[in-house]
Amino acid sequence: MIENMIVSVPSTLIEPHHLPQHIYDSTLPWSHGTLKQRVEEFEKRMIQEALEKHKSLRKAAAILGVDHSTLVKKLKRWQLN
């Protein structure tokens, strides 16, 4: 990963936002937001990743283990497409 960062980051300084998301997220402080807010953010990220991988809402819902209608409701509530 370090070699990849050295090659792929255009600046001479590698900052936390250059790190892969799963590592960068673990460096964020726990103090911002309530548990409910943090769970919702995690849920949004999981859904967005599933939708990027599986272009179909039904496939993404199946992969996430939720009903298609649940996924549609969440996307509407968050105003995501």
Protein backbone atom coordinates (compact mmCIF):
# COMPACT_ATOMS: atom_id res chain seq x y z
CA MET A 1 0.00 0.00 0.00
CA ILE A 2 2.82 2.40 0.82
CA GLU A 3 4.45 1.86 -2.56
CA ASN A 4 1.08 2.41 -4.24
CA MET A 5 0.59 5.66 -2.30
CA ILE A 6 4.06 6.92 -3.24
CA VAL A 7 3.37 6.25 -6.90
CA SER A 8 -0.25 7.42 -7.07
CA VAL A 9 -0.32 10.55 -4.86
CA PRO A 10 0.73 13.55 -6.94
CA SER A 11 2.00 15.65 -4.03
CA THR A 12 5.10 15.04 -1.94
CA LEU A 13 3.01 14.74 1.22
CA ILE A 14 0.63 11.82 1.78
CA GLU A 15 -2.31 12.96 3.90
CA PRO A 16 -5.08 10.93 5.57
CA HIS A 17 -7.58 11.67 2.78
CA HIS A 18 -5.21 9.95 0.32
CA LEU A 19 -5.52 6.65 2.21
CA PRO A 20 -8.03 3.97 1.20
CA GLN A 21 -11.46 4.74 2.66
CA HIS A 22 -11.52 1.82 5.10
CA ILE A 23 -8.26 3.06 6.65
CA TYR A 24 -9.09 6.77 6.46
CA ASP A 25 -12.46 6.22 8.16
CA SER A 26 -10.78 4.49 11.09
CA THR A 27 -8.71 7.64 11.70
CA LEU A 28 -11.81 9.82 12.15
CA PRO A 29 -12.63 10.76 15.73
CA TRP A 30 -15.47 8.88 17.43
CA SER A 31 -16.81 12.05 18.98
CA HIS A 32 -18.68 13.47 15.99
CA GLY A 33 -22.31 12.49 15.71
CA THR A 34 -24.58 10.22 17.68
CA LEU A 35 -24.60 6.46 17.31
CA LYS A 36 -27.74 6.73 15.19
CA GLN A 37 -26.08 9.28 12.87
CA ARG A 38 -22.91 7.22 12.53
CA VAL A 39 -24.87 4.02 11.81
CA GLU A 40 -26.87 5.86 9.16
CA GLU A 41 -23.67 7.18 7.53
CA PHE A 42 -22.21 3.66 7.51
CA GLU A 43 -25.45 2.33 6.02
CA LYS A 44 -25.39 5.01 3.29
CA ARG A 45 -21.81 4.13 2.42
CA MET A 46 -22.61 0.41 2.21
CA ILE A 47 -25.60 1.09 -0.02
CA GLN A 48 -23.63 3.41 -2.29
CA GLU A 49 -20.87 0.81 -2.66
CA ALA A 50 -23.41 -1.93 -3.44
CA LEU A 51 -25.09 0.28 -6.05
CA GLU A 52 -21.75 1.07 -7.69
CA LYS A 53 -20.91 -2.63 -7.93
CA HIS A 54 -24.38 -3.86 -8.86
CA LYS A 55 -26.18 -1.38 -11.10
CA SER A 56 -29.56 -3.01 -10.40
CA LEU A 57 -31.45 -1.95 -7.27
CA ARG A 58 -32.78 -5.48 -6.86
CA LYS A 59 -29.28 -7.00 -7.02
CA ALA A 60 -27.91 -4.43 -4.59
CA ALA A 61 -30.79 -5.10 -2.19
CA ALA A 62 -30.21 -8.86 -2.40
CA ILE A 63 -26.48 -8.45 -1.74
CA LEU A 64 -27.22 -6.19 1.24
CA GLY A 65 -29.80 -8.65 2.57
CA VAL A 66 -32.70 -6.18 2.52
CA ASP A 67 -35.96 -6.05 0.63
CA HIS A 68 -36.01 -4.02 -2.59
CA SER A 69 -38.71 -1.73 -1.18
CA THR A 70 -36.58 -1.03 1.91
CA LEU A 71 -33.70 0.04 -0.28
CA VAL A 72 -35.94 2.29 -2.38
CA LYS A 73 -37.38 3.94 0.77
CA LYS A 74 -33.91 4.62 2.15
CA LEU A 75 -32.73 6.12 -1.14
CA LYS A 76 -35.79 8.37 -1.27
CA ARG A 77 -35.32 9.45 2.35
CA TRP A 78 -31.65 10.30 1.70
CA GLN A 79 -32.48 11.73 -1.76
CA LEU A 80 -29.91 9.45 -3.42
CA ASN A 81 -30.23 8.05 -6.93
